[in-house]
């Protein structure tokens, strides 16, 4: 079972999310939270697999809560947002969120997103996240600390990082680079370790910031 905490300050929205997740046979909602402080407290108490995190909440917002949960290794975080380019999402991804989805995502998409994050992948929806990563990378922000460690990557790992920058899943990376999906997953794990990053979303942002491209120039 995938154990989930749902954090949202709007009771009606929170109830709807809980209802959708509870209907999935492999998902168990173990707690609800009405603000960021409560989300962190419940995560410390219950150690869920995934925390579904709203961005704008009282006392402690989703960014601060995400940073605390990820820093302590309490759970993976999937951020909820109303706007696909909400400035708060950038901070949440920097804090280590595994991705985000919009609140108008349908029931099947929500459950699939939770499953994706629970197994260690990021949510990189082609219609939303790739645009967000490009916007983030071209904004006036300093490069990530991991950029200084890019020379530590092998040529193959740089190709995988370039694919991450395009928002590709492990299977898409495997197809693009003619390797097994398990090999792609191993490369991603090694890249995160070498660059001292927490999530593939952070790696994707770094790839965009540093203009990492495939060895063939594509």
N, C-alpha and C. Protein backbone atom coordinates (compact mmCIF):
# COMPACT_ATOMS: atom_id res chain seq x y z
N UNK A 1 0.82 -1.20 0.00
CA UNK A 1 0.00 0.00 0.00
C UNK A 1 0.86 1.26 0.00
N UNK A 2 0.44 2.25 -0.75
CA UNK A 2 1.11 3.55 -0.77
C UNK A 2 0.43 4.42 0.28
N UNK A 3 1.19 4.82 1.29
CA UNK A 3 0.63 5.60 2.39
C UNK A 3 0.81 7.09 2.11
N UNK A 4 -0.30 7.82 2.19
CA UNK A 4 -0.32 9.22 1.75
C UNK A 4 -0.89 10.14 2.83
N UNK A 5 -0.27 11.31 2.97
CA UNK A 5 -0.85 12.41 3.75
C UNK A 5 -1.33 13.47 2.76
N UNK A 6 -2.53 13.98 2.98
CA UNK A 6 -3.09 15.02 2.12
C UNK A 6 -3.10 16.33 2.90
N UNK A 7 -2.39 17.34 2.38
CA UNK A 7 -2.30 18.63 3.04
C UNK A 7 -2.90 19.72 2.16
N UNK A 8 -3.99 20.33 2.63
CA UNK A 8 -4.64 21.42 1.91
C UNK A 8 -5.49 22.19 2.92
N UNK A 9 -5.45 23.51 2.84
CA UNK A 9 -6.18 24.30 3.84
C UNK A 9 -7.67 24.45 3.54
N UNK A 10 -8.10 24.02 2.36
CA UNK A 10 -9.52 24.10 2.02
C UNK A 10 -10.19 22.75 2.28
N UNK A 11 -11.09 22.69 3.26
CA UNK A 11 -11.70 21.41 3.64
C UNK A 11 -12.38 20.68 2.49
N UNK A 12 -13.06 21.41 1.62
CA UNK A 12 -13.76 20.76 0.52
C UNK A 12 -12.79 20.14 -0.48
N UNK A 13 -11.72 20.87 -0.77
CA UNK A 13 -10.69 20.36 -1.69
C UNK A 13 -10.01 19.14 -1.07
N UNK A 14 -9.67 19.26 0.20
CA UNK A 14 -9.01 18.16 0.89
C UNK A 14 -9.89 16.92 0.90
N UNK A 15 -11.17 17.09 1.17
CA UNK A 15 -12.09 15.95 1.20
C UNK A 15 -12.19 15.29 -0.17
N UNK A 16 -12.20 16.11 -1.22
CA UNK A 16 -12.26 15.53 -2.56
C UNK A 16 -11.03 14.73 -2.90
N UNK A 17 -9.86 15.24 -2.52
CA UNK A 17 -8.62 14.53 -2.77
C UNK A 17 -8.57 13.21 -2.02
N UNK A 18 -9.00 13.26 -0.77
CA UNK A 18 -9.02 12.05 0.05
C UNK A 18 -9.95 11.01 -0.55
N UNK A 19 -11.11 11.44 -1.01
CA UNK A 19 -12.09 10.52 -1.59
C UNK A 19 -11.52 9.84 -2.83
N UNK A 20 -10.85 10.62 -3.68
CA UNK A 20 -10.28 10.05 -4.89
C UNK A 20 -9.19 9.03 -4.56
N UNK A 21 -8.29 9.40 -3.66
CA UNK A 21 -7.19 8.50 -3.32
C UNK A 21 -7.67 7.25 -2.60
N UNK A 22 -8.65 7.41 -1.72
CA UNK A 22 -9.16 6.27 -0.95
C UNK A 22 -9.83 5.24 -1.84
N UNK A 23 -10.27 5.64 -3.02
CA UNK A 23 -10.93 4.71 -3.94
C UNK A 23 -9.94 3.80 -4.65
N UNK A 24 -8.65 4.16 -4.60
CA UNK A 24 -7.63 3.33 -5.24
C UNK A 24 -7.25 2.18 -4.31
N UNK A 25 -7.18 0.99 -4.84
CA UNK A 25 -6.92 -0.20 -4.02
C UNK A 25 -5.53 -0.21 -3.40
N UNK A 26 -4.59 0.47 -4.03
CA UNK A 26 -3.21 0.42 -3.55
C UNK A 26 -2.78 1.69 -2.82
N UNK A 27 -3.74 2.56 -2.49
CA UNK A 27 -3.43 3.81 -1.80
C UNK A 27 -4.21 3.91 -0.50
N UNK A 28 -3.52 4.32 0.55
CA UNK A 28 -4.16 4.52 1.85
C UNK A 28 -3.85 5.94 2.35
N UNK A 29 -4.88 6.72 2.59
CA UNK A 29 -4.69 8.06 3.16
C UNK A 29 -4.57 7.89 4.67
N UNK A 30 -3.39 8.16 5.20
CA UNK A 30 -3.15 7.91 6.62
C UNK A 30 -3.39 9.13 7.49
N UNK A 31 -3.46 10.31 6.86
CA UNK A 31 -3.71 11.52 7.65
C UNK A 31 -4.05 12.68 6.72
N UNK A 32 -4.66 13.70 7.31
CA UNK A 32 -4.93 14.96 6.61
C UNK A 32 -4.27 16.09 7.39
N UNK A 33 -3.99 17.19 6.69
CA UNK A 33 -3.39 18.36 7.35
C UNK A 33 -3.99 19.61 6.73
N UNK A 34 -4.26 20.60 7.58
CA UNK A 34 -4.88 21.84 7.13
C UNK A 34 -3.87 22.96 6.92
N UNK A 35 -2.61 22.73 7.25
CA UNK A 35 -1.57 23.74 7.02
C UNK A 35 -0.21 23.04 7.01
N UNK A 36 0.82 23.81 6.67
CA UNK A 36 2.14 23.23 6.53
C UNK A 36 2.72 22.66 7.81
N UNK A 37 2.52 23.35 8.91
CA UNK A 37 3.05 22.85 10.19
C UNK A 37 2.43 21.51 10.55
N UNK A 38 1.13 21.39 10.32
CA UNK A 38 0.47 20.12 10.62
C UNK A 38 0.96 19.03 9.68
N UNK A 39 1.22 19.38 8.42
CA UNK A 39 1.72 18.40 7.45
C UNK A 39 3.07 17.85 7.89
N UNK A 40 3.95 18.73 8.34
CA UNK A 40 5.27 18.29 8.81
C UNK A 40 5.13 17.41 10.04
N UNK A 41 4.27 17.81 10.96
CA UNK A 41 4.07 17.04 12.20
C UNK A 41 3.54 15.64 11.89
N UNK A 42 2.55 15.56 10.99
CA UNK A 42 1.99 14.25 10.64
C UNK A 42 3.03 13.39 9.91
N UNK A 43 3.85 14.03 9.06
CA UNK A 43 4.88 13.27 8.35
C UNK A 43 5.91 12.71 9.33
N UNK A 44 6.28 13.49 10.33
CA UNK A 44 7.22 13.00 11.33
C UNK A 44 6.64 11.85 12.13
N UNK A 45 5.36 11.93 12.38
CA UNK A 45 4.70 10.89 13.17
C UNK A 45 4.47 9.61 12.39
N UNK A 46 4.09 9.74 11.10
CA UNK A 46 3.59 8.59 10.35
C UNK A 46 4.55 8.08 9.26
N UNK A 47 5.52 8.89 8.87
CA UNK A 47 6.47 8.51 7.81
C UNK A 47 5.75 7.91 6.59
N UNK A 48 4.92 8.71 5.91
CA UNK A 48 4.19 8.20 4.74
C UNK A 48 5.12 8.03 3.55
N UNK A 49 4.61 7.43 2.50
CA UNK A 49 5.39 7.32 1.27
C UNK A 49 5.35 8.64 0.50
N UNK A 50 4.18 9.28 0.50
CA UNK A 50 3.99 10.51 -0.26
C UNK A 50 3.18 11.50 0.56
N UNK A 51 3.58 12.77 0.50
CA UNK A 51 2.75 13.85 1.04
C UNK A 51 2.26 14.68 -0.13
N UNK A 52 0.95 14.76 -0.28
CA UNK A 52 0.33 15.58 -1.32
C UNK A 52 0.16 16.97 -0.74
N UNK A 53 0.91 17.95 -1.27
CA UNK A 53 1.09 19.22 -0.59
C UNK A 53 0.53 20.40 -1.38
N UNK A 54 -0.41 21.11 -0.77
CA UNK A 54 -0.87 22.38 -1.34
C UNK A 54 0.25 23.41 -1.17
N UNK A 55 0.25 24.45 -1.98
CA UNK A 55 1.30 25.47 -1.90
C UNK A 55 0.94 26.57 -0.92
N UNK A 56 -0.23 27.16 -1.09
CA UNK A 56 -0.61 28.32 -0.28
C UNK A 56 -1.45 27.87 0.91
N UNK A 57 -0.80 27.84 2.07
CA UNK A 57 -1.46 27.42 3.30
C UNK A 57 -1.03 28.33 4.45
N UNK A 58 -1.84 28.44 5.50
CA UNK A 58 -1.48 29.28 6.65
C UNK A 58 -0.39 28.66 7.51
N UNK A 59 0.12 29.50 8.42
CA UNK A 59 1.18 29.14 9.38
C UNK A 59 2.50 28.81 8.67
N UNK A 60 2.52 27.72 7.91
CA UNK A 60 3.71 27.36 7.13
C UNK A 60 3.23 26.96 5.75
N UNK A 61 3.75 27.62 4.71
CA UNK A 61 3.27 27.31 3.36
C UNK A 61 3.89 26.02 2.85
N UNK A 62 3.46 25.63 1.65
CA UNK A 62 3.92 24.36 1.09
C UNK A 62 5.40 24.30 0.82
N UNK A 63 6.00 25.44 0.54
CA UNK A 63 7.45 25.46 0.29
C UNK A 63 8.21 25.09 1.56
N UNK A 64 7.88 25.79 2.65
CA UNK A 64 8.56 25.50 3.91
C UNK A 64 8.31 24.09 4.39
N UNK A 65 7.08 23.63 4.23
CA UNK A 65 6.75 22.27 4.66
C UNK A 65 7.48 21.24 3.82
N UNK A 66 7.55 21.49 2.51
CA UNK A 66 8.28 20.57 1.64
C UNK A 66 9.75 20.50 2.03
N UNK A 67 10.36 21.65 2.26
CA UNK A 67 11.77 21.69 2.64
C UNK A 67 12.03 20.88 3.91
N UNK A 68 11.14 21.02 4.89
CA UNK A 68 11.32 20.30 6.15
C UNK A 68 11.16 18.80 5.96
N UNK A 69 10.14 18.41 5.23
CA UNK A 69 9.85 16.98 5.03
C UNK A 69 10.96 16.30 4.23
N UNK A 70 11.42 16.95 3.18
CA UNK A 70 12.46 16.36 2.34
C UNK A 70 13.80 16.34 3.07
N UNK A 71 14.12 17.43 3.77
CA UNK A 71 15.40 17.50 4.48
C UNK A 71 15.53 16.40 5.53
N UNK A 72 14.40 16.05 6.15
CA UNK A 72 14.42 15.02 7.18
C UNK A 72 14.18 13.62 6.61
N UNK A 73 13.96 13.53 5.31
CA UNK A 73 13.72 12.23 4.67
C UNK A 73 12.44 11.56 5.13
N UNK A 74 11.42 12.36 5.39
CA UNK A 74 10.17 11.82 5.94
C UNK A 74 9.26 11.24 4.88
N UNK A 75 9.29 11.80 3.68
CA UNK A 75 8.40 11.36 2.61
C UNK A 75 8.81 12.03 1.32
N UNK A 76 8.35 11.51 0.20
CA UNK A 76 8.42 12.23 -1.05
C UNK A 76 7.24 13.20 -1.10
N UNK A 77 7.44 14.33 -1.76
CA UNK A 77 6.40 15.35 -1.78
C UNK A 77 5.93 15.61 -3.20
N UNK A 78 4.62 15.60 -3.37
CA UNK A 78 3.98 15.95 -4.63
C UNK A 78 3.18 17.22 -4.40
N UNK A 79 3.58 18.30 -5.06
CA UNK A 79 2.98 19.61 -4.81
C UNK A 79 1.74 19.83 -5.67
N UNK A 80 0.73 20.40 -5.05
CA UNK A 80 -0.50 20.78 -5.74
C UNK A 80 -0.50 22.28 -5.97
N UNK A 81 -0.91 22.71 -7.14
CA UNK A 81 -0.98 24.14 -7.40
C UNK A 81 -2.16 24.46 -8.31
N UNK A 82 -2.65 25.67 -8.20
CA UNK A 82 -3.75 26.11 -9.05
C UNK A 82 -3.24 26.59 -10.40
N UNK A 83 -2.03 27.17 -10.41
CA UNK A 83 -1.48 27.75 -11.64
C UNK A 83 -0.26 26.99 -12.10
N UNK A 84 -0.16 26.75 -13.42
CA UNK A 84 0.94 25.93 -13.91
C UNK A 84 2.29 26.63 -13.85
N UNK A 85 2.30 27.95 -13.65
CA UNK A 85 3.56 28.66 -13.49
C UNK A 85 3.58 29.45 -12.18
N UNK A 86 2.92 28.93 -11.19
CA UNK A 86 2.89 29.57 -9.88
C UNK A 86 4.32 29.72 -9.37
N UNK A 87 4.70 30.95 -8.99
CA UNK A 87 6.08 31.18 -8.54
C UNK A 87 6.44 30.35 -7.32
N UNK A 88 5.46 29.99 -6.52
CA UNK A 88 5.74 29.20 -5.34
C UNK A 88 6.20 27.79 -5.69
N UNK A 89 5.78 27.29 -6.84
CA UNK A 89 6.18 25.95 -7.25
C UNK A 89 7.68 25.88 -7.45
N UNK A 90 8.29 26.96 -7.99
CA UNK A 90 9.73 26.97 -8.17
C UNK A 90 10.44 26.72 -6.85
N UNK A 91 9.99 27.42 -5.82
CA UNK A 91 10.60 27.24 -4.51
C UNK A 91 10.41 25.84 -3.98
N UNK A 92 9.24 25.27 -4.23
CA UNK A 92 8.96 23.91 -3.75
C UNK A 92 9.87 22.90 -4.43
N UNK A 93 10.11 23.07 -5.73
CA UNK A 93 10.99 22.16 -6.45
C UNK A 93 12.43 22.30 -5.95
N UNK A 94 12.82 23.54 -5.69
CA UNK A 94 14.14 23.77 -5.11
C UNK A 94 14.25 23.10 -3.75
N UNK A 95 13.14 23.05 -3.03
CA UNK A 95 13.14 22.46 -1.70
C UNK A 95 13.17 20.93 -1.75
N UNK A 96 12.99 20.36 -2.93
CA UNK A 96 13.10 18.91 -3.07
C UNK A 96 11.83 18.18 -3.40
N UNK A 97 10.76 18.90 -3.79
CA UNK A 97 9.53 18.22 -4.19
C UNK A 97 9.80 17.34 -5.41
N UNK A 98 9.12 16.23 -5.48
CA UNK A 98 9.32 15.30 -6.59
C UNK A 98 8.56 15.72 -7.84
N UNK A 99 7.77 16.77 -7.73
CA UNK A 99 7.04 17.26 -8.89
C UNK A 99 5.79 17.99 -8.45
N UNK A 100 4.95 18.29 -9.42
CA UNK A 100 3.70 18.95 -9.08
C UNK A 100 2.63 18.60 -10.10
N UNK A 101 1.39 18.78 -9.71
CA UNK A 101 0.28 18.64 -10.62
C UNK A 101 -0.74 19.72 -10.31
N UNK A 102 -1.60 19.97 -11.27
CA UNK A 102 -2.60 21.00 -11.10
C UNK A 102 -3.82 20.46 -10.38
N UNK A 103 -4.54 21.34 -9.70
CA UNK A 103 -5.70 20.91 -8.93
C UNK A 103 -6.86 20.46 -9.81
N UNK A 104 -6.82 20.78 -11.10
CA UNK A 104 -7.88 20.31 -11.98
C UNK A 104 -7.53 18.97 -12.64
N UNK A 105 -6.46 18.33 -12.18
CA UNK A 105 -6.10 17.00 -12.67
C UNK A 105 -7.23 16.03 -12.37
N UNK A 106 -7.55 15.15 -13.32
CA UNK A 106 -8.65 14.21 -13.09
C UNK A 106 -8.24 13.13 -12.10
N UNK A 107 -9.22 12.35 -11.67
CA UNK A 107 -8.99 11.36 -10.62
C UNK A 107 -7.91 10.36 -11.01
N UNK A 108 -7.97 9.86 -12.23
CA UNK A 108 -6.96 8.90 -12.67
C UNK A 108 -5.57 9.49 -12.70
N UNK A 109 -5.47 10.74 -13.15
CA UNK A 109 -4.18 11.41 -13.19
C UNK A 109 -3.60 11.63 -11.81
N UNK A 110 -4.46 11.96 -10.85
CA UNK A 110 -4.00 12.17 -9.47
C UNK A 110 -3.44 10.88 -8.88
N UNK A 111 -4.16 9.80 -9.04
CA UNK A 111 -3.70 8.51 -8.50
C UNK A 111 -2.41 8.07 -9.18
N UNK A 112 -2.36 8.21 -10.49
CA UNK A 112 -1.15 7.84 -11.22
C UNK A 112 0.05 8.67 -10.78
N UNK A 113 -0.18 9.97 -10.50
CA UNK A 113 0.89 10.85 -10.05
C UNK A 113 1.43 10.39 -8.70
N UNK A 114 0.55 10.03 -7.80
CA UNK A 114 0.96 9.54 -6.49
C UNK A 114 1.77 8.25 -6.64
N UNK A 115 1.33 7.36 -7.50
CA UNK A 115 2.06 6.12 -7.73
C UNK A 115 3.45 6.40 -8.31
N UNK A 116 3.51 7.35 -9.25
CA UNK A 116 4.78 7.70 -9.88
C UNK A 116 5.77 8.23 -8.86
N UNK A 117 5.33 9.14 -8.03
CA UNK A 117 6.21 9.72 -7.01
C UNK A 117 6.61 8.66 -5.98
N UNK A 118 5.68 7.79 -5.61
CA UNK A 118 5.97 6.76 -4.62
C UNK A 118 7.07 5.82 -5.08
N UNK A 119 7.16 5.57 -6.37
CA UNK A 119 8.21 4.66 -6.85
C UNK A 119 9.51 5.38 -7.17
N UNK A 120 9.56 6.69 -6.89
CA UNK A 120 10.82 7.41 -7.00
C UNK A 120 11.00 8.23 -8.25
N UNK A 121 9.99 8.26 -9.12
CA UNK A 121 10.07 9.09 -10.32
C UNK A 121 9.51 10.47 -10.03
N UNK A 122 9.75 11.41 -10.96
CA UNK A 122 9.21 12.75 -10.82
C UNK A 122 8.04 12.95 -11.75
N UNK A 123 7.22 13.95 -11.45
CA UNK A 123 6.09 14.30 -12.31
C UNK A 123 6.53 15.41 -13.24
N UNK A 124 6.70 15.07 -14.49
CA UNK A 124 7.15 16.04 -15.47
C UNK A 124 6.16 16.03 -16.64
N UNK A 125 4.97 16.56 -16.42
CA UNK A 125 3.94 16.57 -17.46
C UNK A 125 4.42 17.40 -18.64
N UNK A 126 4.42 16.84 -19.84
CA UNK A 126 4.95 17.55 -21.01
C UNK A 126 4.30 18.91 -21.25
N UNK A 127 3.00 19.03 -21.02
CA UNK A 127 2.30 20.27 -21.34
C UNK A 127 2.51 21.37 -20.31
N UNK A 128 3.03 21.00 -19.15
CA UNK A 128 3.17 21.99 -18.07
C UNK A 128 4.60 22.10 -17.58
N UNK A 129 5.17 21.01 -17.14
CA UNK A 129 6.42 21.06 -16.42
C UNK A 129 7.60 21.44 -17.31
N UNK A 130 7.63 20.96 -18.55
CA UNK A 130 8.74 21.33 -19.40
C UNK A 130 8.76 22.84 -19.64
N UNK A 131 7.59 23.43 -19.81
CA UNK A 131 7.52 24.87 -19.99
C UNK A 131 7.97 25.59 -18.72
N UNK A 132 7.59 25.04 -17.59
CA UNK A 132 7.97 25.63 -16.32
C UNK A 132 9.48 25.57 -16.12
N UNK A 133 10.09 24.44 -16.46
CA UNK A 133 11.53 24.29 -16.32
C UNK A 133 12.26 25.29 -17.21
N UNK A 134 11.79 25.45 -18.44
CA UNK A 134 12.43 26.41 -19.34
C UNK A 134 12.31 27.82 -18.79
N UNK A 135 11.13 28.16 -18.28
CA UNK A 135 10.92 29.50 -17.73
C UNK A 135 11.82 29.73 -16.52
N UNK A 136 11.95 28.71 -15.71
CA UNK A 136 12.79 28.81 -14.52
C UNK A 136 14.25 28.97 -14.91
N UNK A 137 14.67 28.18 -15.88
CA UNK A 137 16.08 28.18 -16.26
C UNK A 137 16.52 29.48 -16.91
N UNK A 138 15.60 30.16 -17.60
CA UNK A 138 15.96 31.39 -18.29
C UNK A 138 15.73 32.63 -17.45
N UNK A 139 15.23 32.45 -16.24
CA UNK A 139 15.02 33.59 -15.37
C UNK A 139 16.35 34.02 -14.75
N UNK A 140 16.37 35.19 -14.15
CA UNK A 140 17.61 35.73 -13.57
C UNK A 140 17.86 35.12 -12.20
N UNK A 141 18.30 33.86 -12.20
CA UNK A 141 18.58 33.16 -10.96
C UNK A 141 19.98 32.58 -11.04
N UNK A 142 20.68 32.48 -9.92
CA UNK A 142 22.02 31.89 -9.94
C UNK A 142 21.95 30.40 -10.25
N UNK A 143 22.95 29.84 -10.90
CA UNK A 143 22.95 28.41 -11.22
C UNK A 143 23.00 27.56 -9.95
N UNK A 144 22.49 26.35 -10.07
CA UNK A 144 22.48 25.44 -8.93
C UNK A 144 23.90 25.08 -8.51
N UNK A 145 24.04 24.73 -7.23
CA UNK A 145 25.35 24.34 -6.73
C UNK A 145 25.88 23.12 -7.48
N UNK A 146 24.96 22.25 -7.94
CA UNK A 146 25.37 21.04 -8.63
C UNK A 146 26.05 21.30 -9.96
N UNK A 147 25.90 22.52 -10.50
CA UNK A 147 26.51 22.83 -11.79
C UNK A 147 28.02 22.69 -11.75
N UNK A 148 28.62 22.96 -10.60
CA UNK A 148 30.08 22.87 -10.47
C UNK A 148 30.56 21.43 -10.54
N UNK A 149 29.65 20.47 -10.40
CA UNK A 149 30.03 19.07 -10.37
C UNK A 149 29.73 18.34 -11.68
N UNK A 150 29.29 19.08 -12.69
CA UNK A 150 28.93 18.45 -13.96
C UNK A 150 30.09 17.69 -14.58
N UNK A 151 31.31 18.15 -14.36
CA UNK A 151 32.48 17.48 -14.93
C UNK A 151 32.70 16.09 -14.34
N UNK A 152 32.02 15.80 -13.22
CA UNK A 152 32.16 14.49 -12.60
C UNK A 152 31.33 13.42 -13.33
N UNK A 153 30.44 13.87 -14.22
CA UNK A 153 29.57 12.93 -14.93
C UNK A 153 30.28 12.31 -16.12
N UNK A 154 29.96 11.06 -16.39
CA UNK A 154 30.44 10.42 -17.61
C UNK A 154 29.66 10.98 -18.80
N UNK A 155 30.13 10.68 -20.00
CA UNK A 155 29.43 11.15 -21.21
C UNK A 155 28.00 10.59 -21.25
N UNK A 156 27.86 9.33 -20.83
CA UNK A 156 26.52 8.71 -20.84
C UNK A 156 25.61 9.38 -19.82
N UNK A 157 26.17 9.68 -18.67
CA UNK A 157 25.38 10.34 -17.64
C UNK A 157 24.95 11.74 -18.07
N UNK A 158 25.80 12.43 -18.81
CA UNK A 158 25.42 13.75 -19.32
C UNK A 158 24.27 13.63 -20.31
N UNK A 159 24.29 12.57 -21.12
CA UNK A 159 23.18 12.35 -22.05
C UNK A 159 21.88 12.11 -21.28
N UNK A 160 21.97 11.33 -20.23
CA UNK A 160 20.77 11.06 -19.42
C UNK A 160 20.30 12.35 -18.77
N UNK A 161 21.23 13.16 -18.28
CA UNK A 161 20.86 14.44 -17.67
C UNK A 161 20.19 15.35 -18.69
N UNK A 162 20.69 15.34 -19.92
CA UNK A 162 20.05 16.14 -20.97
C UNK A 162 18.62 15.69 -21.21
N UNK A 163 18.39 14.40 -21.16
CA UNK A 163 17.03 13.86 -21.32
C UNK A 163 16.14 14.28 -20.15
N UNK A 164 16.70 14.29 -18.95
CA UNK A 164 15.94 14.76 -17.80
C UNK A 164 15.53 16.22 -18.00
N UNK A 165 16.43 16.99 -18.58
CA UNK A 165 16.13 18.39 -18.83
C UNK A 165 14.98 18.59 -19.79
N UNK A 166 14.69 17.57 -20.57
CA UNK A 166 13.56 17.62 -21.50
C UNK A 166 12.28 17.05 -20.87
N UNK A 167 12.39 16.65 -19.61
CA UNK A 167 11.22 16.12 -18.92
C UNK A 167 10.89 14.69 -19.26
N UNK A 168 11.88 13.92 -19.68
CA UNK A 168 11.62 12.54 -20.08
C UNK A 168 11.51 11.61 -18.87
N UNK A 169 10.66 10.61 -18.99
CA UNK A 169 10.56 9.55 -17.98
C UNK A 169 11.70 8.57 -18.19
N UNK A 170 11.86 7.62 -17.26
CA UNK A 170 12.90 6.61 -17.42
C UNK A 170 12.73 5.81 -18.70
N UNK A 171 11.48 5.47 -19.03
CA UNK A 171 11.24 4.70 -20.25
C UNK A 171 11.56 5.51 -21.49
N UNK A 172 11.23 6.79 -21.47
CA UNK A 172 11.55 7.65 -22.61
C UNK A 172 13.06 7.81 -22.77
N UNK A 173 13.76 7.93 -21.64
CA UNK A 173 15.22 8.01 -21.70
C UNK A 173 15.80 6.73 -22.29
N UNK A 174 15.28 5.60 -21.83
CA UNK A 174 15.75 4.30 -22.33
C UNK A 174 15.54 4.18 -23.83
N UNK A 175 14.38 4.60 -24.31
CA UNK A 175 14.10 4.53 -25.75
C UNK A 175 15.01 5.47 -26.53
N UNK A 176 15.23 6.67 -26.01
CA UNK A 176 16.05 7.66 -26.72
C UNK A 176 17.50 7.25 -26.80
N UNK A 177 18.00 6.62 -25.73
CA UNK A 177 19.42 6.29 -25.65
C UNK A 177 19.71 4.80 -25.87
N UNK A 178 18.69 4.05 -26.27
CA UNK A 178 18.85 2.62 -26.59
C UNK A 178 19.44 1.84 -25.42
N UNK A 179 18.78 1.93 -24.30
CA UNK A 179 19.20 1.17 -23.12
C UNK A 179 17.98 0.61 -22.42
N UNK A 180 18.19 -0.28 -21.47
CA UNK A 180 17.08 -0.82 -20.69
C UNK A 180 16.55 0.24 -19.73
N UNK A 181 15.28 0.16 -19.39
CA UNK A 181 14.70 1.13 -18.45
C UNK A 181 15.41 1.06 -17.10
N UNK A 182 15.77 -0.16 -16.67
CA UNK A 182 16.47 -0.31 -15.40
C UNK A 182 17.83 0.38 -15.43
N UNK A 183 18.48 0.36 -16.59
CA UNK A 183 19.77 1.04 -16.74
C UNK A 183 19.59 2.55 -16.65
N UNK A 184 18.53 3.05 -17.29
CA UNK A 184 18.23 4.47 -17.23
C UNK A 184 17.99 4.90 -15.78
N UNK A 185 17.26 4.09 -15.05
CA UNK A 185 16.97 4.40 -13.65
C UNK A 185 18.26 4.44 -12.83
N UNK A 186 19.17 3.50 -13.10
CA UNK A 186 20.45 3.47 -12.39
C UNK A 186 21.27 4.73 -12.69
N UNK A 187 21.29 5.13 -13.97
CA UNK A 187 22.01 6.35 -14.34
C UNK A 187 21.43 7.56 -13.61
N UNK A 188 20.12 7.66 -13.53
CA UNK A 188 19.48 8.79 -12.85
C UNK A 188 19.91 8.82 -11.39
N UNK A 189 19.90 7.68 -10.74
CA UNK A 189 20.30 7.61 -9.33
C UNK A 189 21.75 8.07 -9.15
N UNK A 190 22.62 7.65 -10.04
CA UNK A 190 24.03 8.04 -9.95
C UNK A 190 24.21 9.54 -10.19
N UNK A 191 23.45 10.08 -11.13
CA UNK A 191 23.51 11.52 -11.41
C UNK A 191 23.11 12.32 -10.19
N UNK A 192 22.02 11.93 -9.56
CA UNK A 192 21.56 12.64 -8.37
C UNK A 192 22.62 12.60 -7.27
N UNK A 193 23.25 11.43 -7.11
CA UNK A 193 24.27 11.29 -6.07
C UNK A 193 25.49 12.16 -6.38
N UNK A 194 25.94 12.13 -7.63
CA UNK A 194 27.13 12.90 -8.00
C UNK A 194 26.92 14.40 -7.90
N UNK A 195 25.70 14.84 -8.23
CA UNK A 195 25.42 16.28 -8.25
C UNK A 195 24.83 16.76 -6.93
N UNK A 196 24.70 15.84 -5.97
CA UNK A 196 24.17 16.19 -4.65
C UNK A 196 22.77 16.81 -4.76
N UNK A 197 21.93 16.16 -5.56
CA UNK A 197 20.55 16.60 -5.74
C UNK A 197 19.61 15.58 -5.13
N UNK A 198 18.41 16.03 -4.77
CA UNK A 198 17.46 15.13 -4.12
C UNK A 198 16.51 14.46 -5.11
N UNK A 199 16.12 15.18 -6.16
CA UNK A 199 15.09 14.66 -7.06
C UNK A 199 15.47 14.87 -8.52
N UNK A 200 14.82 14.12 -9.39
CA UNK A 200 15.05 14.25 -10.82
C UNK A 200 14.54 15.59 -11.34
N UNK A 201 13.57 16.18 -10.65
CA UNK A 201 13.09 17.50 -11.06
C UNK A 201 14.19 18.53 -10.88
N UNK A 202 14.91 18.46 -9.76
CA UNK A 202 16.04 19.36 -9.55
C UNK A 202 17.11 19.13 -10.63
N UNK A 203 17.31 17.87 -11.00
CA UNK A 203 18.28 17.57 -12.05
C UNK A 203 17.84 18.16 -13.38
N UNK A 204 16.55 18.11 -13.66
CA UNK A 204 16.02 18.68 -14.90
C UNK A 204 16.23 20.19 -14.94
N UNK A 205 16.00 20.85 -13.82
CA UNK A 205 16.22 22.29 -13.75
C UNK A 205 17.70 22.61 -13.99
N UNK A 206 18.59 21.85 -13.36
CA UNK A 206 20.02 22.06 -13.54
C UNK A 206 20.42 21.86 -15.00
N UNK A 207 19.87 20.83 -15.63
CA UNK A 207 20.20 20.57 -17.04
C UNK A 207 19.82 21.76 -17.90
N UNK A 208 18.68 22.37 -17.60
CA UNK A 208 18.25 23.55 -18.36
C UNK A 208 19.14 24.75 -18.05
N UNK A 209 19.45 24.95 -16.78
CA UNK A 209 20.30 26.08 -16.38
C UNK A 209 21.67 26.00 -17.04
N UNK A 210 22.22 24.78 -17.10
CA UNK A 210 23.58 24.60 -17.61
C UNK A 210 23.61 24.29 -19.11
N UNK A 211 22.45 24.29 -19.74
CA UNK A 211 22.35 24.02 -21.20
C UNK A 211 23.00 22.69 -21.57
N UNK A 212 22.69 21.66 -20.79
CA UNK A 212 23.24 20.33 -21.08
C UNK A 212 22.49 19.73 -22.26
N UNK A 213 23.22 19.29 -23.28
CA UNK A 213 22.61 18.72 -24.47
C UNK A 213 23.15 17.31 -24.70
N UNK A 214 22.45 16.55 -25.51
CA UNK A 214 22.91 15.21 -25.86
C UNK A 214 24.22 15.29 -26.64
N UNK A 215 24.97 14.22 -26.61
CA UNK A 215 26.28 14.17 -27.26
C UNK A 215 26.17 14.41 -28.76
N UNK A 216 24.99 14.07 -29.33
CA UNK A 216 24.81 14.29 -30.77
C UNK A 216 24.34 15.71 -31.07
N UNK A 217 24.24 16.53 -30.01
CA UNK A 217 23.86 17.92 -30.20
C UNK A 217 22.38 18.17 -30.24
N UNK A 218 21.58 17.12 -30.15
CA UNK A 218 20.12 17.27 -30.24
C UNK A 218 19.57 17.77 -28.92
